[in-house]
Amino acid sequence: AIVSAFPIVYFLNHLGIQSRQSSFIVGVFFFYPLFLMFRTSQ
């Protein structure tokens, strides 16, 4: 997880995306994987 997070953090930091936008991107990016995990675990 630590290694996998690095390229996401790297590109968010180097693409010049503003804070609000990067937060929105992260939220959208992780919504579906977390939803799948919630559905599976429940």
PDB file of all heavy atoms in Angstrom:
ATOM      1  N   ALA A   1       0.831  -1.211   0.000  1.00  0.00           N
ATOM      2  CA  ALA A   1       0.000   0.000   0.000  1.00  0.00           C
ATOM      3  C   ALA A   1       0.862   1.257   0.000  1.00  0.00           C
ATOM      4  O   ALA A   1       0.542   2.244  -0.680  1.00  0.00           O
ATOM      5  CB  ALA A   1      -0.928  -0.012   1.214  1.00  0.00           C
ATOM      6  N   ILE A   2       1.957   1.242   0.765  1.00  0.00           N
ATOM      7  CA  ILE A   2       2.839   2.417   0.808  1.00  0.00           C
ATOM      8  C   ILE A   2       3.459   2.665  -0.562  1.00  0.00           C
ATOM      9  O   ILE A   2       3.495   3.807  -1.056  1.00  0.00           O
ATOM     10  CB  ILE A   2       3.936   2.232   1.865  1.00  0.00           C
ATOM     11  CG1 ILE A   2       3.319   2.167   3.267  1.00  0.00           C
ATOM     12  CG2 ILE A   2       4.942   3.389   1.802  1.00  0.00           C
ATOM     13  CD1 ILE A   2       4.319   1.833   4.367  1.00  0.00           C
ATOM     14  N   VAL A   3       3.943   1.613  -1.205  1.00  0.00           N
ATOM     15  CA  VAL A   3       4.560   1.756  -2.526  1.00  0.00           C
ATOM     16  C   VAL A   3       3.514   2.151  -3.563  1.00  0.00           C
ATOM     17  O   VAL A   3       3.753   3.008  -4.428  1.00  0.00           O
ATOM     18  CB  VAL A   3       5.280   0.456  -2.938  1.00  0.00           C
ATOM     19  CG1 VAL A   3       5.891   0.598  -4.333  1.00  0.00           C
ATOM     20  CG2 VAL A   3       6.358   0.079  -1.921  1.00  0.00           C
ATOM     21  N   SER A   4       2.329   1.536  -3.480  1.00  0.00           N
ATOM     22  CA  SER A   4       1.269   1.806  -4.464  1.00  0.00           C
ATOM     23  C   SER A   4       0.750   3.236  -4.373  1.00  0.00           C
ATOM     24  O   SER A   4       0.296   3.804  -5.377  1.00  0.00           O
ATOM     25  CB  SER A   4       0.111   0.817  -4.262  1.00  0.00           C
ATOM     26  OG  SER A   4       0.550  -0.512  -4.356  1.00  0.00           O
ATOM     27  N   ALA A   5       0.776   3.799  -3.168  1.00  0.00           N
ATOM     28  CA  ALA A   5       0.281   5.165  -2.998  1.00  0.00           C
ATOM     29  C   ALA A   5       1.234   6.199  -3.595  1.00  0.00           C
ATOM     30  O   ALA A   5       0.809   7.308  -3.966  1.00  0.00           O
ATOM     31  CB  ALA A   5       0.075   5.455  -1.504  1.00  0.00           C
ATOM     32  N   PHE A   6       2.499   5.847  -3.710  1.00  0.00           N
ATOM     33  CA  PHE A   6       3.513   6.816  -4.126  1.00  0.00           C
ATOM     34  C   PHE A   6       3.237   7.437  -5.499  1.00  0.00           C
ATOM     35  O   PHE A   6       3.287   8.675  -5.639  1.00  0.00           O
ATOM     36  CB  PHE A   6       4.904   6.189  -4.084  1.00  0.00           C
ATOM     37  CG  PHE A   6       6.006   7.088  -4.552  1.00  0.00           C
ATOM     38  CD1 PHE A   6       6.155   8.351  -4.003  1.00  0.00           C
ATOM     39  CD2 PHE A   6       6.882   6.685  -5.547  1.00  0.00           C
ATOM     40  CE1 PHE A   6       7.177   9.202  -4.435  1.00  0.00           C
ATOM     41  CE2 PHE A   6       7.895   7.520  -5.982  1.00  0.00           C
ATOM     42  CZ  PHE A   6       8.044   8.778  -5.428  1.00  0.00           C
ATOM     43  N   PRO A   7       2.938   6.667  -6.553  1.00  0.00           N
ATOM     44  CA  PRO A   7       2.707   7.318  -7.858  1.00  0.00           C
ATOM     45  C   PRO A   7       1.477   8.215  -7.860  1.00  0.00           C
ATOM     46  O   PRO A   7       1.463   9.237  -8.561  1.00  0.00           O
ATOM     47  CB  PRO A   7       2.540   6.133  -8.818  1.00  0.00           C
ATOM     48  CG  PRO A   7       2.181   4.973  -7.963  1.00  0.00           C
ATOM     49  CD  PRO A   7       2.874   5.193  -6.660  1.00  0.00           C
ATOM     50  N   ILE A   8       0.447   7.860  -7.069  1.00  0.00           N
ATOM     51  CA  ILE A   8      -0.744   8.713  -6.999  1.00  0.00           C
ATOM     52  C   ILE A   8      -0.386  10.048  -6.353  1.00  0.00           C
ATOM     53  O   ILE A   8      -0.735  11.118  -6.857  1.00  0.00           O
ATOM     54  CB  ILE A   8      -1.865   8.002  -6.203  1.00  0.00           C
ATOM     55  CG1 ILE A   8      -2.227   6.668  -6.863  1.00  0.00           C
ATOM     56  CG2 ILE A   8      -3.104   8.894  -6.107  1.00  0.00           C
ATOM     57  CD1 ILE A   8      -3.209   5.822  -6.073  1.00  0.00           C
ATOM     58  N   VAL A   9       0.334   9.978  -5.233  1.00  0.00           N
ATOM     59  CA  VAL A   9       0.772  11.196  -4.549  1.00  0.00           C
ATOM     60  C   VAL A   9       1.697  12.017  -5.460  1.00  0.00           C
ATOM     61  O   VAL A   9       1.561  13.243  -5.554  1.00  0.00           O
ATOM     62  CB  VAL A   9       1.506  10.844  -3.232  1.00  0.00           C
ATOM     63  CG1 VAL A   9       2.081  12.099  -2.574  1.00  0.00           C
ATOM     64  CG2 VAL A   9       0.563  10.126  -2.275  1.00  0.00           C
ATOM     65  N   TYR A  10       2.597  11.340  -6.133  1.00  0.00           N
ATOM     66  CA  TYR A  10       3.578  12.008  -6.998  1.00  0.00           C
ATOM     67  C   TYR A  10       2.889  12.806  -8.101  1.00  0.00           C
ATOM     68  O   TYR A  10       3.200  13.988  -8.329  1.00  0.00           O
ATOM     69  CB  TYR A  10       4.517  10.965  -7.597  1.00  0.00           C
ATOM     70  CG  TYR A  10       5.579  11.527  -8.489  1.00  0.00           C
ATOM     71  CD1 TYR A  10       6.790  11.989  -7.980  1.00  0.00           C
ATOM     72  CD2 TYR A  10       5.380  11.594  -9.874  1.00  0.00           C
ATOM     73  CE1 TYR A  10       7.767  12.520  -8.813  1.00  0.00           C
ATOM     74  CE2 TYR A  10       6.346  12.120 -10.716  1.00  0.00           C
ATOM     75  CZ  TYR A  10       7.537  12.580 -10.183  1.00  0.00           C
ATOM     76  OH  TYR A  10       8.502  13.103 -11.015  1.00  0.00           O
ATOM     77  N   PHE A  11       1.929  12.183  -8.767  1.00  0.00           N
ATOM     78  CA  PHE A  11       1.277  12.864  -9.893  1.00  0.00           C
ATOM     79  C   PHE A  11       0.339  13.968  -9.408  1.00  0.00           C
ATOM     80  O   PHE A  11       0.227  15.010 -10.055  1.00  0.00           O
ATOM     81  CB  PHE A  11       0.534  11.857 -10.756  1.00  0.00           C
ATOM     82  CG  PHE A  11       1.445  11.083 -11.651  1.00  0.00           C
ATOM     83  CD1 PHE A  11       1.656   9.727 -11.446  1.00  0.00           C
ATOM     84  CD2 PHE A  11       2.128  11.695 -12.693  1.00  0.00           C
ATOM     85  CE1 PHE A  11       2.518   9.009 -12.253  1.00  0.00           C
ATOM     86  CE2 PHE A  11       2.995  10.979 -13.504  1.00  0.00           C
ATOM     87  CZ  PHE A  11       3.184   9.627 -13.289  1.00  0.00           C
ATOM     88  N   LEU A  12      -0.307  13.777  -8.267  1.00  0.00           N
ATOM     89  CA  LEU A  12      -1.136  14.851  -7.725  1.00  0.00           C
ATOM     90  C   LEU A  12      -0.282  16.079  -7.386  1.00  0.00           C
ATOM     91  O   LEU A  12      -0.713  17.224  -7.570  1.00  0.00           O
ATOM     92  CB  LEU A  12      -1.879  14.368  -6.479  1.00  0.00           C
ATOM     93  CG  LEU A  12      -3.069  13.422  -6.704  1.00  0.00           C
ATOM     94  CD1 LEU A  12      -3.611  12.931  -5.375  1.00  0.00           C
ATOM     95  CD2 LEU A  12      -4.173  14.114  -7.497  1.00  0.00           C
ATOM     96  N   ASN A  13       0.924  15.824  -6.887  1.00  0.00           N
ATOM     97  CA  ASN A  13       1.816  16.923  -6.510  1.00  0.00           C
ATOM     98  C   ASN A  13       2.468  17.606  -7.709  1.00  0.00           C
ATOM     99  O   ASN A  13       2.847  18.771  -7.631  1.00  0.00           O
ATOM    100  CB  ASN A  13       2.916  16.416  -5.575  1.00  0.00           C
ATOM    101  CG  ASN A  13       2.374  16.049  -4.200  1.00  0.00           C
ATOM    102  OD1 ASN A  13       1.311  16.513  -3.803  1.00  0.00           O
ATOM    103  ND2 ASN A  13       3.098  15.203  -3.481  1.00  0.00           N
ATOM    104  N   HIS A  14       2.628  16.884  -8.820  1.00  0.00           N
ATOM    105  CA  HIS A  14       3.377  17.417  -9.959  1.00  0.00           C
ATOM    106  C   HIS A  14       2.508  17.845 -11.144  1.00  0.00           C
ATOM    107  O   HIS A  14       3.039  18.346 -12.138  1.00  0.00           O
ATOM    108  CB  HIS A  14       4.408  16.385 -10.434  1.00  0.00           C
ATOM    109  CG  HIS A  14       5.574  16.253  -9.508  1.00  0.00           C
ATOM    110  ND1 HIS A  14       5.504  15.537  -8.329  1.00  0.00           N
ATOM    111  CD2 HIS A  14       6.838  16.758  -9.568  1.00  0.00           C
ATOM    112  CE1 HIS A  14       6.677  15.601  -7.716  1.00  0.00           C
ATOM    113  NE2 HIS A  14       7.503  16.323  -8.433  1.00  0.00           N
ATOM    114  N   LEU A  15       1.194  17.663 -11.038  1.00  0.00           N
ATOM    115  CA  LEU A  15       0.324  18.075 -12.145  1.00  0.00           C
ATOM    116  C   LEU A  15      -0.245  19.466 -11.928  1.00  0.00           C
ATOM    117  O   LEU A  15      -1.037  19.941 -12.747  1.00  0.00           O
ATOM    118  CB  LEU A  15      -0.808  17.061 -12.321  1.00  0.00           C
ATOM    119  CG  LEU A  15      -0.393  15.699 -12.892  1.00  0.00           C
ATOM    120  CD1 LEU A  15      -1.588  14.758 -12.957  1.00  0.00           C
ATOM    121  CD2 LEU A  15       0.222  15.869 -14.287  1.00  0.00           C
ATOM    122  N   GLY A  16       0.126  20.090 -10.814  1.00  0.00           N
ATOM    123  CA  GLY A  16      -0.335  21.451 -10.554  1.00  0.00           C
ATOM    124  C   GLY A  16      -1.804  21.542 -10.220  1.00  0.00           C
ATOM    125  O   GLY A  16      -2.437  22.587 -10.426  1.00  0.00           O
ATOM    126  N   ILE A  17      -2.377  20.448  -9.717  1.00  0.00           N
ATOM    127  CA  ILE A  17      -3.797  20.440  -9.361  1.00  0.00           C
ATOM    128  C   ILE A  17      -3.976  21.128  -8.019  1.00  0.00           C
ATOM    129  O   ILE A  17      -3.232  20.895  -7.072  1.00  0.00           O
ATOM    130  CB  ILE A  17      -4.330  18.993  -9.292  1.00  0.00           C
ATOM    131  CG1 ILE A  17      -4.154  18.324 -10.656  1.00  0.00           C
ATOM    132  CG2 ILE A  17      -5.787  18.961  -8.877  1.00  0.00           C
ATOM    133  CD1 ILE A  17      -4.515  16.856 -10.660  1.00  0.00           C
ATOM    134  N   GLN A  18      -4.995  21.998  -7.926  1.00  0.00           N
ATOM    135  CA  GLN A  18      -5.253  22.706  -6.681  1.00  0.00           C
ATOM    136  C   GLN A  18      -5.765  21.748  -5.614  1.00  0.00           C
ATOM    137  O   GLN A  18      -6.238  20.642  -5.902  1.00  0.00           O
ATOM    138  CB  GLN A  18      -6.276  23.820  -6.917  1.00  0.00           C
ATOM    139  CG  GLN A  18      -5.774  24.920  -7.851  1.00  0.00           C
ATOM    140  CD  GLN A  18      -6.820  25.997  -8.047  1.00  0.00           C
ATOM    141  OE1 GLN A  18      -7.924  25.919  -7.533  1.00  0.00           O
ATOM    142  NE2 GLN A  18      -6.446  27.033  -8.802  1.00  0.00           N
ATOM    143  N   SER A  19      -5.675  22.196  -4.374  1.00  0.00           N
ATOM    144  CA  SER A  19      -6.001  21.342  -3.233  1.00  0.00           C
ATOM    145  C   SER A  19      -7.417  20.784  -3.306  1.00  0.00           C
ATOM    146  O   SER A  19      -7.644  19.588  -3.107  1.00  0.00           O
ATOM    147  CB  SER A  19      -5.819  22.115  -1.919  1.00  0.00           C
ATOM    148  OG  SER A  19      -4.481  22.490  -1.748  1.00  0.00           O
ATOM    149  N   ARG A  20      -8.395  21.646  -3.593  1.00  0.00           N
ATOM    150  CA  ARG A  20      -9.785  21.179  -3.641  1.00  0.00           C
ATOM    151  C   ARG A  20      -9.974  20.146  -4.744  1.00  0.00           C
ATOM    152  O   ARG A  20     -10.679  19.147  -4.576  1.00  0.00           O
ATOM    153  CB  ARG A  20     -10.727  22.354  -3.847  1.00  0.00           C
ATOM    154  CG  ARG A  20     -10.811  23.296  -2.645  1.00  0.00           C
ATOM    155  CD  ARG A  20     -11.845  24.376  -2.888  1.00  0.00           C
ATOM    156  NE  ARG A  20     -11.939  25.284  -1.758  1.00  0.00           N
ATOM    157  CZ  ARG A  20     -12.794  26.291  -1.687  1.00  0.00           C
ATOM    158  NH1 ARG A  20     -13.627  26.527  -2.699  1.00  0.00           N
ATOM    159  NH2 ARG A  20     -12.816  27.077  -0.623  1.00  0.00           N
ATOM    160  N   GLN A  21      -9.346  20.403  -5.872  1.00  0.00           N
ATOM    161  CA  GLN A  21      -9.486  19.481  -6.997  1.00  0.00           C
ATOM    162  C   GLN A  21      -8.842  18.127  -6.694  1.00  0.00           C
ATOM    163  O   GLN A  21      -9.411  17.082  -7.009  1.00  0.00           O
ATOM    164  CB  GLN A  21      -8.854  20.102  -8.248  1.00  0.00           C
ATOM    165  CG  GLN A  21      -9.595  21.313  -8.784  1.00  0.00           C
ATOM    166  CD  GLN A  21      -8.852  21.971  -9.923  1.00  0.00           C
ATOM    167  OE1 GLN A  21      -7.625  21.980  -9.949  1.00  0.00           O
ATOM    168  NE2 GLN A  21      -9.599  22.509 -10.878  1.00  0.00           N
ATOM    169  N   SER A  22      -7.658  18.164  -6.094  1.00  0.00           N
ATOM    170  CA  SER A  22      -6.983  16.902  -5.788  1.00  0.00           C
ATOM    171  C   SER A  22      -7.769  16.096  -4.764  1.00  0.00           C
ATOM    172  O   SER A  22      -7.845  14.873  -4.850  1.00  0.00           O
ATOM    173  CB  SER A  22      -5.561  17.166  -5.273  1.00  0.00           C
ATOM    174  OG  SER A  22      -5.580  17.869  -4.050  1.00  0.00           O
ATOM    175  N   SER A  23      -8.380  16.789  -3.799  1.00  0.00           N
ATOM    176  CA  SER A  23      -9.206  16.098  -2.809  1.00  0.00           C
ATOM    177  C   SER A  23     -10.409  15.452  -3.483  1.00  0.00           C
ATOM    178  O   SER A  23     -10.778  14.312  -3.175  1.00  0.00           O
ATOM    179  CB  SER A  23      -9.676  17.073  -1.729  1.00  0.00           C
ATOM    180  OG  SER A  23      -8.577  17.620  -1.050  1.00  0.00           O
ATOM    181  N   PHE A  24     -11.016  16.166  -4.413  1.00  0.00           N
ATOM    182  CA  PHE A  24     -12.169  15.627  -5.139  1.00  0.00           C
ATOM    183  C   PHE A  24     -11.762  14.407  -5.969  1.00  0.00           C
ATOM    184  O   PHE A  24     -12.461  13.395  -5.988  1.00  0.00           O
ATOM    185  CB  PHE A  24     -12.762  16.710  -6.039  1.00  0.00           C
ATOM    186  CG  PHE A  24     -13.906  16.224  -6.878  1.00  0.00           C
ATOM    187  CD1 PHE A  24     -15.165  16.026  -6.326  1.00  0.00           C
ATOM    188  CD2 PHE A  24     -13.720  15.950  -8.237  1.00  0.00           C
ATOM    189  CE1 PHE A  24     -16.217  15.572  -7.107  1.00  0.00           C
ATOM    190  CE2 PHE A  24     -14.760  15.499  -9.027  1.00  0.00           C
ATOM    191  CZ  PHE A  24     -16.018  15.307  -8.451  1.00  0.00           C
ATOM    192  N   ILE A  25     -10.603  14.504  -6.644  1.00  0.00           N
ATOM    193  CA  ILE A  25     -10.108  13.396  -7.462  1.00  0.00           C
ATOM    194  C   ILE A  25      -9.875  12.148  -6.609  1.00  0.00           C
ATOM    195  O   ILE A  25     -10.260  11.039  -6.972  1.00  0.00           O
ATOM    196  CB  ILE A  25      -8.819  13.807  -8.207  1.00  0.00           C
ATOM    197  CG1 ILE A  25      -9.141  14.851  -9.272  1.00  0.00           C
ATOM    198  CG2 ILE A  25      -8.145  12.589  -8.837  1.00  0.00           C
ATOM    199  CD1 ILE A  25      -7.913  15.495  -9.880  1.00  0.00           C
ATOM    200  N   VAL A  26      -9.240  12.344  -5.458  1.00  0.00           N
ATOM    201  CA  VAL A  26      -8.979  11.215  -4.565  1.00  0.00           C
ATOM    202  C   VAL A  26     -10.289  10.596  -4.091  1.00  0.00           C
ATOM    203  O   VAL A  26     -10.447   9.371  -4.053  1.00  0.00           O
ATOM    204  CB  VAL A  26      -8.121  11.660  -3.358  1.00  0.00           C
ATOM    205  CG1 VAL A  26      -8.053  10.569  -2.296  1.00  0.00           C
ATOM    206  CG2 VAL A  26      -6.715  12.022  -3.822  1.00  0.00           C
ATOM    207  N   GLY A  27     -11.253  11.442  -3.728  1.00  0.00           N
ATOM    208  CA  GLY A  27     -12.548  10.930  -3.272  1.00  0.00           C
ATOM    209  C   GLY A  27     -13.237  10.097  -4.336  1.00  0.00           C
ATOM    210  O   GLY A  27     -13.756   9.012  -4.058  1.00  0.00           O
ATOM    211  N   VAL A  28     -13.257  10.603  -5.566  1.00  0.00           N
ATOM    212  CA  VAL A  28     -13.889   9.872  -6.679  1.00  0.00           C
ATOM    213  C   VAL A  28     -13.116   8.588  -6.986  1.00  0.00           C
ATOM    214  O   VAL A  28     -13.711   7.527  -7.207  1.00  0.00           O
ATOM    215  CB  VAL A  28     -13.961  10.772  -7.934  1.00  0.00           C
ATOM    216  CG1 VAL A  28     -14.413   9.960  -9.146  1.00  0.00           C
ATOM    217  CG2 VAL A  28     -14.905  11.940  -7.680  1.00  0.00           C
ATOM    218  N   PHE A  29     -11.790   8.708  -6.977  1.00  0.00           N
ATOM    219  CA  PHE A  29     -10.927   7.574  -7.328  1.00  0.00           C
ATOM    220  C   PHE A  29     -11.144   6.396  -6.385  1.00  0.00           C
ATOM    221  O   PHE A  29     -11.136   5.238  -6.807  1.00  0.00           O
ATOM    222  CB  PHE A  29      -9.471   8.042  -7.288  1.00  0.00           C
ATOM    223  CG  PHE A  29      -8.489   7.026  -7.782  1.00  0.00           C
ATOM    224  CD1 PHE A  29      -8.368   6.752  -9.136  1.00  0.00           C
ATOM    225  CD2 PHE A  29      -7.667   6.329  -6.901  1.00  0.00           C
ATOM    226  CE1 PHE A  29      -7.460   5.815  -9.607  1.00  0.00           C
ATOM    227  CE2 PHE A  29      -6.754   5.399  -7.355  1.00  0.00           C
ATOM    228  CZ  PHE A  29      -6.646   5.133  -8.712  1.00  0.00           C
ATOM    229  N   PHE A  30     -11.347   6.682  -5.098  1.00  0.00           N
ATOM    230  CA  PHE A  30     -11.457   5.606  -4.114  1.00  0.00           C
ATOM    231  C   PHE A  30     -12.897   5.198  -3.795  1.00  0.00           C
ATOM    232  O   PHE A  30     -13.112   4.208  -3.096  1.00  0.00           O
ATOM    233  CB  PHE A  30     -10.761   6.005  -2.808  1.00  0.00           C
ATOM    234  CG  PHE A  30      -9.272   5.819  -2.860  1.00  0.00           C
ATOM    235  CD1 PHE A  30      -8.449   6.903  -3.126  1.00  0.00           C
ATOM    236  CD2 PHE A  30      -8.698   4.575  -2.684  1.00  0.00           C
ATOM    237  CE1 PHE A  30      -7.076   6.751  -3.191  1.00  0.00           C
ATOM    238  CE2 PHE A  30      -7.326   4.408  -2.751  1.00  0.00           C
ATOM    239  CZ  PHE A  30      -6.511   5.493  -3.003  1.00  0.00           C
ATOM    240  N   PHE A  31     -13.861   5.933  -4.306  1.00  0.00           N
ATOM    241  CA  PHE A  31     -15.242   5.608  -3.965  1.00  0.00           C
ATOM    242  C   PHE A  31     -15.617   4.190  -4.392  1.00  0.00           C
ATOM    243  O   PHE A  31     -16.148   3.412  -3.599  1.00  0.00           O
ATOM    244  CB  PHE A  31     -16.210   6.617  -4.607  1.00  0.00           C
ATOM    245  CG  PHE A  31     -17.654   6.262  -4.381  1.00  0.00           C
ATOM    246  CD1 PHE A  31     -18.269   6.563  -3.178  1.00  0.00           C
ATOM    247  CD2 PHE A  31     -18.395   5.606  -5.365  1.00  0.00           C
ATOM    248  CE1 PHE A  31     -19.602   6.229  -2.950  1.00  0.00           C
ATOM    249  CE2 PHE A  31     -19.721   5.255  -5.152  1.00  0.00           C
ATOM    250  CZ  PHE A  31     -20.328   5.578  -3.939  1.00  0.00           C
ATOM    251  N   TYR A  32     -15.322   3.855  -5.650  1.00  0.00           N
ATOM    252  CA  TYR A  32     -15.738   2.540  -6.152  1.00  0.00           C
ATOM    253  C   TYR A  32     -14.982   1.391  -5.484  1.00  0.00           C
ATOM    254  O   TYR A  32     -15.611   0.412  -5.063  1.00  0.00           O
ATOM    255  CB  TYR A  32     -15.585   2.475  -7.666  1.00  0.00           C
ATOM    256  CG  TYR A  32     -16.159   1.219  -8.272  1.00  0.00           C
ATOM    257  CD1 TYR A  32     -17.512   0.911  -8.124  1.00  0.00           C
ATOM    258  CD2 TYR A  32     -15.349   0.322  -8.971  1.00  0.00           C
ATOM    259  CE1 TYR A  32     -18.047  -0.243  -8.672  1.00  0.00           C
ATOM    260  CE2 TYR A  32     -15.873  -0.834  -9.517  1.00  0.00           C
ATOM    261  CZ  TYR A  32     -17.222  -1.116  -9.364  1.00  0.00           C
ATOM    262  OH  TYR A  32     -17.752  -2.261  -9.890  1.00  0.00           O
ATOM    263  N   PRO A  33     -13.629   1.451  -5.343  1.00  0.00           N
ATOM    264  CA  PRO A  33     -12.943   0.359  -4.620  1.00  0.00           C
ATOM    265  C   PRO A  33     -13.454   0.166  -3.196  1.00  0.00           C
ATOM    266  O   PRO A  33     -13.613  -0.970  -2.734  1.00  0.00           O
ATOM    267  CB  PRO A  33     -11.475   0.803  -4.628  1.00  0.00           C
ATOM    268  CG  PRO A  33     -11.348   1.707  -5.796  1.00  0.00           C
ATOM    269  CD  PRO A  33     -12.658   2.413  -5.903  1.00  0.00           C
ATOM    270  N   LEU A  34     -13.724   1.263  -2.489  1.00  0.00           N
ATOM    271  CA  LEU A  34     -14.226   1.144  -1.123  1.00  0.00           C
ATOM    272  C   LEU A  34     -15.654   0.614  -1.106  1.00  0.00           C
ATOM    273  O   LEU A  34     -16.031  -0.166  -0.218  1.00  0.00           O
ATOM    274  CB  LEU A  34     -14.164   2.503  -0.413  1.00  0.00           C
ATOM    275  CG  LEU A  34     -12.751   3.016  -0.111  1.00  0.00           C
ATOM    276  CD1 LEU A  34     -12.816   4.440   0.425  1.00  0.00           C
ATOM    277  CD2 LEU A  34     -12.030   2.111   0.877  1.00  0.00           C
ATOM    278  N   PHE A  35     -16.446   1.007  -2.097  1.00  0.00           N
ATOM    279  CA  PHE A  35     -17.804   0.464  -2.204  1.00  0.00           C
ATOM    280  C   PHE A  35     -17.773  -1.040  -2.451  1.00  0.00           C
ATOM    281  O   PHE A  35     -18.540  -1.791  -1.842  1.00  0.00           O
ATOM    282  CB  PHE A  35     -18.560   1.163  -3.340  1.00  0.00           C
ATOM    283  CG  PHE A  35     -19.867   0.506  -3.679  1.00  0.00           C
ATOM    284  CD1 PHE A  35     -20.969   0.641  -2.852  1.00  0.00           C
ATOM    285  CD2 PHE A  35     -19.987  -0.280  -4.822  1.00  0.00           C
ATOM    286  CE1 PHE A  35     -22.175   0.004  -3.155  1.00  0.00           C
ATOM    287  CE2 PHE A  35     -21.177  -0.915  -5.143  1.00  0.00           C
ATOM    288  CZ  PHE A  35     -22.278  -0.761  -4.307  1.00  0.00           C
ATOM    289  N   LEU A  36     -16.875  -1.476  -3.338  1.00  0.00           N
ATOM    290  CA  LEU A  36     -16.750  -2.918  -3.592  1.00  0.00           C
ATOM    291  C   LEU A  36     -16.343  -3.665  -2.325  1.00  0.00           C
ATOM    292  O   LEU A  36     -16.867  -4.745  -2.034  1.00  0.00           O
ATOM    293  CB  LEU A  36     -15.719  -3.168  -4.694  1.00  0.00           C
ATOM    294  CG  LEU A  36     -16.115  -2.810  -6.123  1.00  0.00           C
ATOM    295  CD1 LEU A  36     -14.960  -3.133  -7.074  1.00  0.00           C
ATOM    296  CD2 LEU A  36     -17.366  -3.571  -6.551  1.00  0.00           C
ATOM    297  N   MET A  37     -15.400  -3.094  -1.577  1.00  0.00           N
ATOM    298  CA  MET A  37     -14.963  -3.741  -0.351  1.00  0.00           C
ATOM    299  C   MET A  37     -16.092  -3.785   0.677  1.00  0.00           C
ATOM    300  O   MET A  37     -16.291  -4.788   1.369  1.00  0.00           O
ATOM    301  CB  MET A  37     -13.742  -3.029   0.225  1.00  0.00           C
ATOM    302  CG  MET A  37     -13.221  -3.646   1.521  1.00  0.00           C
ATOM    303  SD  MET A  37     -12.917  -5.435   1.388  1.00  0.00           S
ATOM    304  CE  MET A  37     -11.575  -5.429   0.192  1.00  0.00           C
ATOM    305  N   PHE A  38     -16.850  -2.701   0.792  1.00  0.00           N
ATOM    306  CA  PHE A  38     -17.988  -2.682   1.714  1.00  0.00           C
ATOM    307  C   PHE A  38     -19.002  -3.753   1.340  1.00  0.00           C
ATOM    308  O   PHE A  38     -19.473  -4.504   2.197  1.00  0.00           O
ATOM    309  CB  PHE A  38     -18.648  -1.300   1.692  1.00  0.00           C
ATOM    310  CG  PHE A  38     -19.913  -1.228   2.495  1.00  0.00           C
ATOM    311  CD1 PHE A  38     -19.871  -1.169   3.877  1.00  0.00           C
ATOM    312  CD2 PHE A  38     -21.140  -1.236   1.860  1.00  0.00           C
ATOM    313  CE1 PHE A  38     -21.050  -1.118   4.630  1.00  0.00           C
ATOM    314  CE2 PHE A  38     -22.322  -1.179   2.593  1.00  0.00           C
ATOM    315  CZ  PHE A  38     -22.278  -1.115   3.980  1.00  0.00           C
ATOM    316  N   ARG A  39     -19.312  -3.843   0.064  1.00  0.00           N
ATOM    317  CA  ARG A  39     -20.284  -4.839  -0.390  1.00  0.00           C
ATOM    318  C   ARG A  39     -19.797  -6.258  -0.115  1.00  0.00           C
ATOM    319  O   ARG A  39     -20.553  -7.108   0.366  1.00  0.00           O
ATOM    320  CB  ARG A  39     -20.559  -4.657  -1.893  1.00  0.00           C
ATOM    321  CG  ARG A  39     -21.690  -5.518  -2.412  1.00  0.00           C
ATOM    322  CD  ARG A  39     -21.969  -5.220  -3.863  1.00  0.00           C
ATOM    323  NE  ARG A  39     -20.851  -5.597  -4.723  1.00  0.00           N
ATOM    324  CZ  ARG A  39     -20.834  -5.438  -6.043  1.00  0.00           C
ATOM    325  NH1 ARG A  39     -21.882  -4.863  -6.644  1.00  0.00           N
ATOM    326  NH2 ARG A  39     -19.794  -5.798  -6.758  1.00  0.00           N
ATOM    327  N   THR A  40     -18.504  -6.496  -0.374  1.00  0.00           N
ATOM    328  CA  THR A  40     -17.943  -7.828  -0.145  1.00  0.00           C
ATOM    329  C   THR A  40     -17.920  -8.181   1.338  1.00  0.00           C
ATOM    330  O   THR A  40     -18.324  -9.281   1.739  1.00  0.00           O
ATOM    331  CB  THR A  40     -16.510  -7.900  -0.708  1.00  0.00           C
ATOM    332  OG1 THR A  40     -16.546  -7.634  -2.107  1.00  0.00           O
ATOM    333  CG2 THR A  40     -15.914  -9.283  -0.482  1.00  0.00           C
ATOM    334  N   SER A  41     -17.465  -7.249   2.156  1.00  0.00           N
ATOM    335  CA  SER A  41     -17.343  -7.547   3.585  1.00  0.00           C
ATOM    336  C   SER A  41     -18.707  -7.713   4.242  1.00  0.00           C
ATOM    337  O   SER A  41     -18.852  -8.516   5.171  1.00  0.00           O
ATOM    338  CB  SER A  41     -16.545  -6.446   4.294  1.00  0.00           C
ATOM    339  OG  SER A  41     -17.250  -5.220   4.301  1.00  0.00           O
ATOM    340  N   GLN A  42     -19.712  -6.994   3.771  1.00  0.00           N
ATOM    341  CA  GLN A  42     -21.038  -7.102   4.385  1.00  0.00           C
ATOM    342  C   GLN A  42     -21.840  -8.281   3.853  1.00  0.00           C
ATOM    343  O   GLN A  42     -22.704  -8.810   4.557  1.00  0.00           O
ATOM    344  CB  GLN A  42     -21.820  -5.796   4.181  1.00  0.00           C
ATOM    345  CG  GLN A  42     -21.161  -4.587   4.815  1.00  0.00           C
ATOM    346  CD  GLN A  42     -20.773  -4.808   6.263  1.00  0.00           C
ATOM    347  OE1 GLN A  42     -21.636  -4.964   7.121  1.00  0.00           O
ATOM    348  NE2 GLN A  42     -19.484  -4.833   6.557  1.00  0.00           N
TER     349      GLN A  42
END
